[in-house]
Full PDB file with SEQRES, HELIX, SHEET, SSBOND, CRYST1, ORIGX, SCALE, CONECT and MASTER records, all heavy atoms in Angstrom:
SEQRES   1 A   41  ALA LEU THR PRO GLY THR GLY PRO ALA VAL ARG ALA LEU          
SEQRES   2 A   41  ALA ASP LEU ARG PRO GLU ALA LEU ALA LEU MET HIS GLY          
SEQRES   3 A   41  PRO VAL PHE ARG GLY ASP THR THR ALA ALA LEU THR GLU          
SEQRES   4 A   41  LEU ALA                                                      
HELIX    1 AA1 THR A    6  ALA A   14  1                                   9    
HELIX    2 AA2 THR A   33  LEU A   40  1                                   8    
SHEET    1 AA1 2 LEU A  21  ALA A  22  0                                        
SHEET    2 AA1 2 VAL A  28  PHE A  29 -1                                        
CRYST1    1.000    1.000    1.000  90.00  90.00  90.00 P 1           1          
ORIGX1      1.000000  0.000000  0.000000        0.00000                         
ORIGX2      0.000000  1.000000  0.000000        0.00000                         
ORIGX3      0.000000  0.000000  1.000000        0.00000                         
SCALE1      1.000000  0.000000  0.000000        0.00000                         
SCALE2      0.000000  1.000000  0.000000        0.00000                         
SCALE3      0.000000  0.000000  1.000000        0.00000                         
ATOM      1  N   ALA A   1      14.577 -56.315  35.676  1.00  0.00           N  
ATOM      2  CA  ALA A   1      14.607 -56.767  37.121  1.00  0.00           C  
ATOM      3  C   ALA A   1      13.245 -56.121  37.650  1.00  0.00           C  
ATOM      4  O   ALA A   1      13.392 -54.991  38.177  1.00  0.00           O  
ATOM      5  CB  ALA A   1      15.835 -56.354  37.857  1.00  0.00           C  
ATOM      6  N   LEU A   2      12.199 -56.905  37.747  1.00  0.00           N  
ATOM      7  CA  LEU A   2      11.091 -56.320  38.389  1.00  0.00           C  
ATOM      8  C   LEU A   2      10.989 -56.527  39.798  1.00  0.00           C  
ATOM      9  O   LEU A   2      11.029 -57.626  40.396  1.00  0.00           O  
ATOM     10  CB  LEU A   2       9.767 -57.132  37.803  1.00  0.00           C  
ATOM     11  CG  LEU A   2       9.591 -56.907  36.179  1.00  0.00           C  
ATOM     12  CD1 LEU A   2       8.504 -57.791  35.807  1.00  0.00           C  
ATOM     13  CD2 LEU A   2       9.271 -55.428  35.942  1.00  0.00           C  
ATOM     14  N   THR A   3      11.122 -55.372  40.573  1.00  0.00           N  
ATOM     15  CA  THR A   3      11.184 -55.413  42.051  1.00  0.00           C  
ATOM     16  C   THR A   3      10.220 -54.305  42.495  1.00  0.00           C  
ATOM     17  O   THR A   3       9.712 -53.406  41.687  1.00  0.00           O  
ATOM     18  CB  THR A   3      12.561 -55.048  42.561  1.00  0.00           C  
ATOM     19  OG1 THR A   3      12.929 -53.705  42.204  1.00  0.00           O  
ATOM     20  CG2 THR A   3      13.622 -55.941  41.834  1.00  0.00           C  
ATOM     21  N   PRO A   4      10.006 -54.105  43.806  1.00  0.00           N  
ATOM     22  CA  PRO A   4       9.149 -53.031  44.247  1.00  0.00           C  
ATOM     23  C   PRO A   4       9.902 -51.648  43.994  1.00  0.00           C  
ATOM     24  O   PRO A   4       9.115 -50.656  43.923  1.00  0.00           O  
ATOM     25  CB  PRO A   4       9.062 -53.323  45.742  1.00  0.00           C  
ATOM     26  CG  PRO A   4       9.170 -54.789  45.857  1.00  0.00           C  
ATOM     27  CD  PRO A   4      10.264 -55.201  44.827  1.00  0.00           C  
ATOM     28  N   GLY A   5      11.150 -51.579  43.656  1.00  0.00           N  
ATOM     29  CA  GLY A   5      11.908 -50.417  43.445  1.00  0.00           C  
ATOM     30  C   GLY A   5      11.876 -49.942  42.096  1.00  0.00           C  
ATOM     31  O   GLY A   5      12.204 -48.857  41.698  1.00  0.00           O  
ATOM     32  N   THR A   6      11.421 -50.918  41.060  1.00  0.00           N  
ATOM     33  CA  THR A   6      11.535 -50.653  39.577  1.00  0.00           C  
ATOM     34  C   THR A   6      10.600 -49.498  39.140  1.00  0.00           C  
ATOM     35  O   THR A   6      11.189 -48.410  38.686  1.00  0.00           O  
ATOM     36  CB  THR A   6      11.255 -51.826  38.761  1.00  0.00           C  
ATOM     37  OG1 THR A   6      12.001 -52.896  39.191  1.00  0.00           O  
ATOM     38  CG2 THR A   6      11.328 -51.576  37.285  1.00  0.00           C  
ATOM     39  N   GLY A   7       9.275 -49.497  39.478  1.00  0.00           N  
ATOM     40  CA  GLY A   7       8.387 -48.419  39.098  1.00  0.00           C  
ATOM     41  C   GLY A   7       8.923 -47.021  39.745  1.00  0.00           C  
ATOM     42  O   GLY A   7       8.971 -46.011  39.017  1.00  0.00           O  
ATOM     43  N   PRO A   8       9.148 -46.929  41.110  1.00  0.00           N  
ATOM     44  CA  PRO A   8       9.602 -45.667  41.580  1.00  0.00           C  
ATOM     45  C   PRO A   8      10.876 -45.112  40.933  1.00  0.00           C  
ATOM     46  O   PRO A   8      11.054 -43.981  40.769  1.00  0.00           O  
ATOM     47  CB  PRO A   8       9.879 -46.048  43.122  1.00  0.00           C  
ATOM     48  CG  PRO A   8       8.914 -47.098  43.403  1.00  0.00           C  
ATOM     49  CD  PRO A   8       8.860 -47.988  42.171  1.00  0.00           C  
ATOM     50  N   ALA A   9      11.917 -46.099  40.505  1.00  0.00           N  
ATOM     51  CA  ALA A   9      13.077 -45.610  39.848  1.00  0.00           C  
ATOM     52  C   ALA A   9      12.820 -44.911  38.629  1.00  0.00           C  
ATOM     53  O   ALA A   9      13.379 -43.958  38.302  1.00  0.00           O  
ATOM     54  CB  ALA A   9      14.016 -46.716  39.798  1.00  0.00           C  
ATOM     55  N   VAL A  10      11.869 -45.621  37.843  1.00  0.00           N  
ATOM     56  CA  VAL A  10      11.535 -44.985  36.575  1.00  0.00           C  
ATOM     57  C   VAL A  10      10.709 -43.695  36.625  1.00  0.00           C  
ATOM     58  O   VAL A  10      10.962 -42.807  35.913  1.00  0.00           O  
ATOM     59  CB  VAL A  10      10.753 -46.058  35.680  1.00  0.00           C  
ATOM     60  CG1 VAL A  10      10.252 -45.515  34.371  1.00  0.00           C  
ATOM     61  CG2 VAL A  10      11.578 -47.319  35.432  1.00  0.00           C  
ATOM     62  N   ARG A  11       9.935 -43.678  37.568  1.00  0.00           N  
ATOM     63  CA  ARG A  11       9.152 -42.379  38.085  1.00  0.00           C  
ATOM     64  C   ARG A  11      10.045 -41.266  38.335  1.00  0.00           C  
ATOM     65  O   ARG A  11       9.918 -40.147  37.924  1.00  0.00           O  
ATOM     66  CB  ARG A  11       8.069 -42.664  39.082  1.00  0.00           C  
ATOM     67  CG  ARG A  11       6.852 -43.241  38.495  1.00  0.00           C  
ATOM     68  CD  ARG A  11       5.700 -43.458  39.577  1.00  0.00           C  
ATOM     69  NE  ARG A  11       4.812 -44.395  39.230  1.00  0.00           N  
ATOM     70  CZ  ARG A  11       4.962 -45.739  39.369  1.00  0.00           C  
ATOM     71  NH1 ARG A  11       5.876 -46.180  40.112  1.00  0.00           N  
ATOM     72  NH2 ARG A  11       3.992 -46.574  38.842  1.00  0.00           N  
ATOM     73  N   ALA A  12      11.138 -41.623  39.011  1.00  0.00           N  
ATOM     74  CA  ALA A  12      12.154 -40.553  39.268  1.00  0.00           C  
ATOM     75  C   ALA A  12      12.849 -40.092  38.064  1.00  0.00           C  
ATOM     76  O   ALA A  12      13.151 -38.833  38.054  1.00  0.00           O  
ATOM     77  CB  ALA A  12      13.191 -41.095  40.367  1.00  0.00           C  
ATOM     78  N   LEU A  13      13.043 -40.869  37.103  1.00  0.00           N  
ATOM     79  CA  LEU A  13      13.578 -40.387  35.865  1.00  0.00           C  
ATOM     80  C   LEU A  13      12.526 -39.487  35.159  1.00  0.00           C  
ATOM     81  O   LEU A  13      13.034 -38.532  34.561  1.00  0.00           O  
ATOM     82  CB  LEU A  13      13.909 -41.539  34.910  1.00  0.00           C  
ATOM     83  CG  LEU A  13      14.897 -42.484  35.424  1.00  0.00           C  
ATOM     84  CD1 LEU A  13      14.956 -43.860  34.497  1.00  0.00           C  
ATOM     85  CD2 LEU A  13      16.330 -41.833  35.434  1.00  0.00           C  
ATOM     86  N   ALA A  14      11.294 -39.698  35.268  1.00  0.00           N  
ATOM     87  CA  ALA A  14      10.278 -38.791  34.721  1.00  0.00           C  
ATOM     88  C   ALA A  14      10.365 -37.416  35.411  1.00  0.00           C  
ATOM     89  O   ALA A  14      10.026 -36.470  34.689  1.00  0.00           O  
ATOM     90  CB  ALA A  14       8.830 -39.389  35.036  1.00  0.00           C  
ATOM     91  N   ASP A  15      10.826 -37.385  36.659  1.00  0.00           N  
ATOM     92  CA  ASP A  15      10.863 -36.113  37.269  1.00  0.00           C  
ATOM     93  C   ASP A  15      11.955 -35.143  36.619  1.00  0.00           C  
ATOM     94  O   ASP A  15      11.922 -34.054  36.814  1.00  0.00           O  
ATOM     95  CB  ASP A  15      11.195 -36.298  38.752  1.00  0.00           C  
ATOM     96  CG  ASP A  15       9.985 -36.865  39.584  1.00  0.00           C  
ATOM     97  OD1 ASP A  15       8.881 -36.836  39.113  1.00  0.00           O  
ATOM     98  OD2 ASP A  15      10.327 -37.378  40.695  1.00  0.00           O  
ATOM     99  N   LEU A  16      12.816 -35.778  35.866  1.00  0.00           N  
ATOM    100  CA  LEU A  16      13.742 -35.072  35.073  1.00  0.00           C  
ATOM    101  C   LEU A  16      13.191 -34.125  33.987  1.00  0.00           C  
ATOM    102  O   LEU A  16      13.716 -33.192  33.501  1.00  0.00           O  
ATOM    103  CB  LEU A  16      14.886 -35.967  34.525  1.00  0.00           C  
ATOM    104  CG  LEU A  16      15.864 -36.704  35.532  1.00  0.00           C  
ATOM    105  CD1 LEU A  16      16.587 -37.737  34.773  1.00  0.00           C  
ATOM    106  CD2 LEU A  16      16.619 -35.855  36.204  1.00  0.00           C  
ATOM    107  N   ARG A  17      12.018 -34.572  33.489  1.00  0.00           N  
ATOM    108  CA  ARG A  17      11.339 -34.012  32.384  1.00  0.00           C  
ATOM    109  C   ARG A  17      12.217 -33.846  31.294  1.00  0.00           C  
ATOM    110  O   ARG A  17      12.475 -32.746  30.693  1.00  0.00           O  
ATOM    111  CB  ARG A  17      10.776 -32.703  32.725  1.00  0.00           C  
ATOM    112  CG  ARG A  17       9.725 -32.741  34.030  1.00  0.00           C  
ATOM    113  CD  ARG A  17       8.851 -31.592  34.085  1.00  0.00           C  
ATOM    114  NE  ARG A  17       7.892 -31.618  35.192  1.00  0.00           N  
ATOM    115  CZ  ARG A  17       6.838 -32.551  35.078  1.00  0.00           C  
ATOM    116  NH1 ARG A  17       6.483 -33.205  34.141  1.00  0.00           N  
ATOM    117  NH2 ARG A  17       5.975 -32.502  36.322  1.00  0.00           N  
ATOM    118  N   PRO A  18      12.750 -35.107  30.757  1.00  0.00           N  
ATOM    119  CA  PRO A  18      13.686 -34.928  29.569  1.00  0.00           C  
ATOM    120  C   PRO A  18      12.957 -34.434  28.289  1.00  0.00           C  
ATOM    121  O   PRO A  18      11.741 -34.554  28.172  1.00  0.00           O  
ATOM    122  CB  PRO A  18      14.111 -36.316  29.363  1.00  0.00           C  
ATOM    123  CG  PRO A  18      13.188 -37.184  30.098  1.00  0.00           C  
ATOM    124  CD  PRO A  18      12.508 -36.381  31.123  1.00  0.00           C  
ATOM    125  N   GLU A  19      13.772 -33.844  27.439  1.00  0.00           N  
ATOM    126  CA  GLU A  19      13.212 -33.430  26.152  1.00  0.00           C  
ATOM    127  C   GLU A  19      13.204 -34.529  25.088  1.00  0.00           C  
ATOM    128  O   GLU A  19      12.394 -34.522  24.119  1.00  0.00           O  
ATOM    129  CB  GLU A  19      14.149 -32.319  25.589  1.00  0.00           C  
ATOM    130  CG  GLU A  19      14.100 -31.010  26.399  1.00  0.00           C  
ATOM    131  CD  GLU A  19      12.834 -30.255  26.264  1.00  0.00           C  
ATOM    132  OE1 GLU A  19      12.199 -30.305  25.145  1.00  0.00           O  
ATOM    133  OE2 GLU A  19      12.266 -29.759  27.258  1.00  0.00           O  
ATOM    134  N   ALA A  20      14.137 -35.581  25.346  1.00  0.00           N  
ATOM    135  CA  ALA A  20      14.101 -36.581  24.453  1.00  0.00           C  
ATOM    136  C   ALA A  20      14.630 -37.926  25.287  1.00  0.00           C  
ATOM    137  O   ALA A  20      15.327 -37.723  26.272  1.00  0.00           O  
ATOM    138  CB  ALA A  20      15.121 -36.404  23.280  1.00  0.00           C  
ATOM    139  N   LEU A  21      14.125 -38.980  24.750  1.00  0.00           N  
ATOM    140  CA  LEU A  21      14.601 -40.393  25.309  1.00  0.00           C  
ATOM    141  C   LEU A  21      15.457 -41.010  24.212  1.00  0.00           C  
ATOM    142  O   LEU A  21      14.911 -41.443  23.282  1.00  0.00           O  
ATOM    143  CB  LEU A  21      13.358 -41.093  25.694  1.00  0.00           C  
ATOM    144  CG  LEU A  21      12.389 -40.647  26.669  1.00  0.00           C  
ATOM    145  CD1 LEU A  21      11.246 -41.700  26.927  1.00  0.00           C  
ATOM    146  CD2 LEU A  21      13.108 -40.415  27.988  1.00  0.00           C  
ATOM    147  N   ALA A  22      16.764 -41.208  24.453  1.00  0.00           N  
ATOM    148  CA  ALA A  22      17.675 -41.879  23.592  1.00  0.00           C  
ATOM    149  C   ALA A  22      17.563 -43.392  23.909  1.00  0.00           C  
ATOM    150  O   ALA A  22      18.130 -43.773  24.949  1.00  0.00           O  
ATOM    151  CB  ALA A  22      18.930 -41.311  23.494  1.00  0.00           C  
ATOM    152  N   LEU A  23      16.964 -44.121  23.110  1.00  0.00           N  
ATOM    153  CA  LEU A  23      16.683 -45.499  23.434  1.00  0.00           C  
ATOM    154  C   LEU A  23      17.809 -46.350  22.787  1.00  0.00           C  
ATOM    155  O   LEU A  23      18.135 -46.276  21.489  1.00  0.00           O  
ATOM    156  CB  LEU A  23      15.326 -46.076  22.835  1.00  0.00           C  
ATOM    157  CG  LEU A  23      14.211 -45.094  23.151  1.00  0.00           C  
ATOM    158  CD1 LEU A  23      12.951 -45.646  22.593  1.00  0.00           C  
ATOM    159  CD2 LEU A  23      13.955 -44.932  24.609  1.00  0.00           C  
ATOM    160  N   MET A  24      18.410 -47.278  23.581  1.00  0.00           N  
ATOM    161  CA  MET A  24      19.489 -48.087  22.952  1.00  0.00           C  
ATOM    162  C   MET A  24      18.957 -49.020  21.908  1.00  0.00           C  
ATOM    163  O   MET A  24      19.616 -49.271  21.036  1.00  0.00           O  
ATOM    164  CB  MET A  24      20.113 -48.908  24.237  1.00  0.00           C  
ATOM    165  CG  MET A  24      21.361 -49.597  23.626  1.00  0.00           C  
ATOM    166  SD  MET A  24      22.165 -50.763  24.937  1.00  0.00           S  
ATOM    167  CE  MET A  24      22.403 -49.620  26.165  1.00  0.00           C  
ATOM    168  N   HIS A  25      17.834 -49.641  22.219  1.00  0.00           N  
ATOM    169  CA  HIS A  25      17.230 -50.589  21.381  1.00  0.00           C  
ATOM    170  C   HIS A  25      15.968 -50.027  20.690  1.00  0.00           C  
ATOM    171  O   HIS A  25      14.851 -50.660  20.937  1.00  0.00           O  
ATOM    172  CB  HIS A  25      16.935 -51.922  22.082  1.00  0.00           C  
ATOM    173  CG  HIS A  25      18.186 -52.502  22.622  1.00  0.00           C  
ATOM    174  ND1 HIS A  25      19.144 -53.107  21.924  1.00  0.00           N  
ATOM    175  CD2 HIS A  25      18.612 -52.603  23.971  1.00  0.00           C  
ATOM    176  CE1 HIS A  25      20.098 -53.551  22.611  1.00  0.00           C  
ATOM    177  NE2 HIS A  25      19.804 -53.218  23.807  1.00  0.00           N  
ATOM    178  N   GLY A  26      16.067 -48.932  20.025  1.00  0.00           N  
ATOM    179  CA  GLY A  26      14.922 -48.195  19.439  1.00  0.00           C  
ATOM    180  C   GLY A  26      15.324 -46.830  19.040  1.00  0.00           C  
ATOM    181  O   GLY A  26      16.455 -46.477  19.165  1.00  0.00           O  
ATOM    182  N   PRO A  27      14.268 -46.081  18.563  1.00  0.00           N  
ATOM    183  CA  PRO A  27      14.662 -44.767  18.150  1.00  0.00           C  
ATOM    184  C   PRO A  27      14.753 -43.727  19.331  1.00  0.00           C  
ATOM    185  O   PRO A  27      14.499 -44.015  20.377  1.00  0.00           O  
ATOM    186  CB  PRO A  27      13.434 -44.384  17.270  1.00  0.00           C  
ATOM    187  CG  PRO A  27      12.330 -45.226  17.913  1.00  0.00           C  
ATOM    188  CD  PRO A  27      12.955 -46.445  18.361  1.00  0.00           C  
ATOM    189  N   VAL A  28      15.209 -42.565  18.886  1.00  0.00           N  
ATOM    190  CA  VAL A  28      15.172 -41.441  19.815  1.00  0.00           C  
ATOM    191  C   VAL A  28      13.708 -40.811  19.765  1.00  0.00           C  
ATOM    192  O   VAL A  28      13.039 -40.663  18.821  1.00  0.00           O  
ATOM    193  CB  VAL A  28      16.165 -40.267  19.465  1.00  0.00           C  
ATOM    194  CG1 VAL A  28      15.822 -39.057  20.343  1.00  0.00           C  
ATOM    195  CG2 VAL A  28      17.518 -40.666  19.444  1.00  0.00           C  
ATOM    196  N   PHE A  29      13.073 -40.944  21.058  1.00  0.00           N  
ATOM    197  CA  PHE A  29      11.695 -40.569  21.201  1.00  0.00           C  
ATOM    198  C   PHE A  29      11.580 -39.130  21.638  1.00  0.00           C  
ATOM    199  O   PHE A  29      12.276 -38.660  22.587  1.00  0.00           O  
ATOM    200  CB  PHE A  29      11.024 -41.362  22.266  1.00  0.00           C  
ATOM    201  CG  PHE A  29       9.500 -40.953  22.555  1.00  0.00           C  
ATOM    202  CD1 PHE A  29       8.618 -41.051  21.642  1.00  0.00           C  
ATOM    203  CD2 PHE A  29       9.213 -40.308  23.776  1.00  0.00           C  
ATOM    204  CE1 PHE A  29       7.234 -40.631  21.987  1.00  0.00           C  
ATOM    205  CE2 PHE A  29       8.046 -39.859  24.147  1.00  0.00           C  
ATOM    206  CZ  PHE A  29       7.109 -40.083  23.195  1.00  0.00           C  
ATOM    207  N   ARG A  30      10.828 -38.265  20.834  1.00  0.00           N  
ATOM    208  CA  ARG A  30      10.522 -36.933  21.175  1.00  0.00           C  
ATOM    209  C   ARG A  30       9.040 -36.871  21.157  1.00  0.00           C  
ATOM    210  O   ARG A  30       8.390 -37.117  20.155  1.00  0.00           O  
ATOM    211  CB  ARG A  30      11.054 -35.949  20.118  1.00  0.00           C  
ATOM    212  CG  ARG A  30      12.527 -35.819  20.166  1.00  0.00           C  
ATOM    213  CD  ARG A  30      12.966 -34.503  19.420  1.00  0.00           C  
ATOM    214  NE  ARG A  30      14.386 -34.124  19.690  1.00  0.00           N  
ATOM    215  CZ  ARG A  30      14.820 -33.404  20.634  1.00  0.00           C  
ATOM    216  NH1 ARG A  30      14.033 -32.947  21.500  1.00  0.00           N  
ATOM    217  NH2 ARG A  30      16.037 -33.195  20.837  1.00  0.00           N  
ATOM    218  N   GLY A  31       8.480 -36.487  22.292  1.00  0.00           N  
ATOM    219  CA  GLY A  31       7.084 -36.477  22.586  1.00  0.00           C  
ATOM    220  C   GLY A  31       6.965 -36.206  24.001  1.00  0.00           C  
ATOM    221  O   GLY A  31       7.730 -35.511  24.690  1.00  0.00           O  
ATOM    222  N   ASP A  32       5.926 -36.647  24.619  1.00  0.00           N  
ATOM    223  CA  ASP A  32       5.705 -36.535  26.107  1.00  0.00           C  
ATOM    224  C   ASP A  32       6.416 -37.571  26.789  1.00  0.00           C  
ATOM    225  O   ASP A  32       6.007 -38.624  27.153  1.00  0.00           O  
ATOM    226  CB  ASP A  32       4.105 -36.688  26.386  1.00  0.00           C  
ATOM    227  CG  ASP A  32       3.740 -36.292  27.855  1.00  0.00           C  
ATOM    228  OD1 ASP A  32       4.699 -36.098  28.663  1.00  0.00           O  
ATOM    229  OD2 ASP A  32       2.627 -36.048  28.030  1.00  0.00           O  
ATOM    230  N   THR A  33       7.657 -37.302  26.973  1.00  0.00           N  
ATOM    231  CA  THR A  33       8.743 -38.133  27.639  1.00  0.00           C  
ATOM    232  C   THR A  33       8.270 -38.500  29.038  1.00  0.00           C  
ATOM    233  O   THR A  33       8.514 -39.646  29.603  1.00  0.00           O  
ATOM    234  CB  THR A  33      10.070 -37.597  27.613  1.00  0.00           C  
ATOM    235  OG1 THR A  33      10.145 -36.366  28.295  1.00  0.00           O  
ATOM    236  CG2 THR A  33      10.501 -37.376  26.089  1.00  0.00           C  
ATOM    237  N   THR A  34       7.769 -37.492  29.837  1.00  0.00           N  
ATOM    238  CA  THR A  34       7.435 -37.695  31.181  1.00  0.00           C  
ATOM    239  C   THR A  34       6.256 -38.716  31.152  1.00  0.00           C  
ATOM    240  O   THR A  34       6.200 -39.569  32.057  1.00  0.00           O  
ATOM    241  CB  THR A  34       6.955 -36.330  31.838  1.00  0.00           C  
ATOM    242  OG1 THR A  34       7.940 -35.427  31.764  1.00  0.00           O  
ATOM    243  CG2 THR A  34       6.509 -36.473  33.215  1.00  0.00           C  
ATOM    244  N   ALA A  35       5.194 -38.535  30.338  1.00  0.00           N  
ATOM    245  CA  ALA A  35       4.119 -39.433  30.341  1.00  0.00           C  
ATOM    246  C   ALA A  35       4.581 -40.930  29.918  1.00  0.00           C  
ATOM    247  O   ALA A  35       4.225 -41.885  30.475  1.00  0.00           O  
ATOM    248  CB  ALA A  35       3.130 -39.130  29.338  1.00  0.00           C  
ATOM    249  N   ALA A  36       5.588 -40.880  29.045  1.00  0.00           N  
ATOM    250  CA  ALA A  36       6.170 -42.348  28.472  1.00  0.00           C  
ATOM    251  C   ALA A  36       6.759 -42.985  29.712  1.00  0.00           C  
ATOM    252  O   ALA A  36       6.738 -44.234  29.881  1.00  0.00           O  
ATOM    253  CB  ALA A  36       7.036 -42.186  27.373  1.00  0.00           C  
ATOM    254  N   LEU A  37       7.618 -42.332  30.480  1.00  0.00           N  
ATOM    255  CA  LEU A  37       8.381 -42.857  31.539  1.00  0.00           C  
ATOM    256  C   LEU A  37       7.368 -43.278  32.681  1.00  0.00           C  
ATOM    257  O   LEU A  37       7.438 -44.376  33.198  1.00  0.00           O  
ATOM    258  CB  LEU A  37       9.477 -41.844  32.185  1.00  0.00           C  
ATOM    259  CG  LEU A  37      10.650 -41.673  31.278  1.00  0.00           C  
ATOM    260  CD1 LEU A  37      11.371 -40.449  31.712  1.00  0.00           C  
ATOM    261  CD2 LEU A  37      11.563 -42.867  31.532  1.00  0.00           C  
ATOM    262  N   THR A  38       6.369 -42.462  32.947  1.00  0.00           N  
ATOM    263  CA  THR A  38       5.365 -42.814  33.970  1.00  0.00           C  
ATOM    264  C   THR A  38       4.501 -43.967  33.559  1.00  0.00           C  
ATOM    265  O   THR A  38       4.264 -44.929  34.320  1.00  0.00           O  
ATOM    266  CB  THR A  38       4.374 -41.643  34.223  1.00  0.00           C  
ATOM    267  OG1 THR A  38       5.171 -40.377  34.561  1.00  0.00           O  
ATOM    268  CG2 THR A  38       3.376 -41.954  35.323  1.00  0.00           C  
ATOM    269  N   GLU A  39       4.227 -44.110  32.251  1.00  0.00           N  
ATOM    270  CA  GLU A  39       3.420 -45.260  31.741  1.00  0.00           C  
ATOM    271  C   GLU A  39       4.307 -46.571  31.770  1.00  0.00           C  
ATOM    272  O   GLU A  39       3.768 -47.674  32.052  1.00  0.00           O  
ATOM    273  CB  GLU A  39       2.926 -45.003  30.418  1.00  0.00           C  
ATOM    274  CG  GLU A  39       1.835 -44.045  30.365  1.00  0.00           C  
ATOM    275  CD  GLU A  39       1.568 -43.595  28.722  1.00  0.00           C  
ATOM    276  OE1 GLU A  39       1.634 -44.417  27.905  1.00  0.00           O  
ATOM    277  OE2 GLU A  39       1.053 -42.455  28.598  1.00  0.00           O  
ATOM    278  N   LEU A  40       5.575 -46.335  31.621  1.00  0.00           N  
ATOM    279  CA  LEU A  40       6.466 -47.506  31.516  1.00  0.00           C  
ATOM    280  C   LEU A  40       6.538 -48.084  33.015  1.00  0.00           C  
ATOM    281  O   LEU A  40       6.445 -49.289  33.351  1.00  0.00           O  
ATOM    282  CB  LEU A  40       7.916 -47.189  31.063  1.00  0.00           C  
ATOM    283  CG  LEU A  40       8.884 -48.385  30.994  1.00  0.00           C  
ATOM    284  CD1 LEU A  40       8.360 -49.584  30.065  1.00  0.00           C  
ATOM    285  CD2 LEU A  40      10.222 -47.790  30.585  1.00  0.00           C  
ATOM    286  N   ALA A  41       6.680 -47.094  33.986  1.00  0.00           N  
ATOM    287  CA  ALA A  41       6.677 -47.546  35.477  1.00  0.00           C  
ATOM    288  C   ALA A  41       5.472 -48.201  35.824  1.00  0.00           C  
ATOM    289  O   ALA A  41       5.480 -49.270  36.530  1.00  0.00           O  
ATOM    290  CB  ALA A  41       6.853 -46.169  36.231  1.00  0.00           C  
TER     291      ALA A  41                                                      
MASTER        0    0    0    2    2    0    0    6  290    1    0    4          
END                                                                             
């Protein structure tokens, strides 16, 4: 659902600074999770 709130909501998740991203339709990502969330936003 692409709305004006989508990017900011994903950036708020980046603020959590997770150690890993457990993807439902993909692998568990360990790397620069903050950058990945920001780039997705």
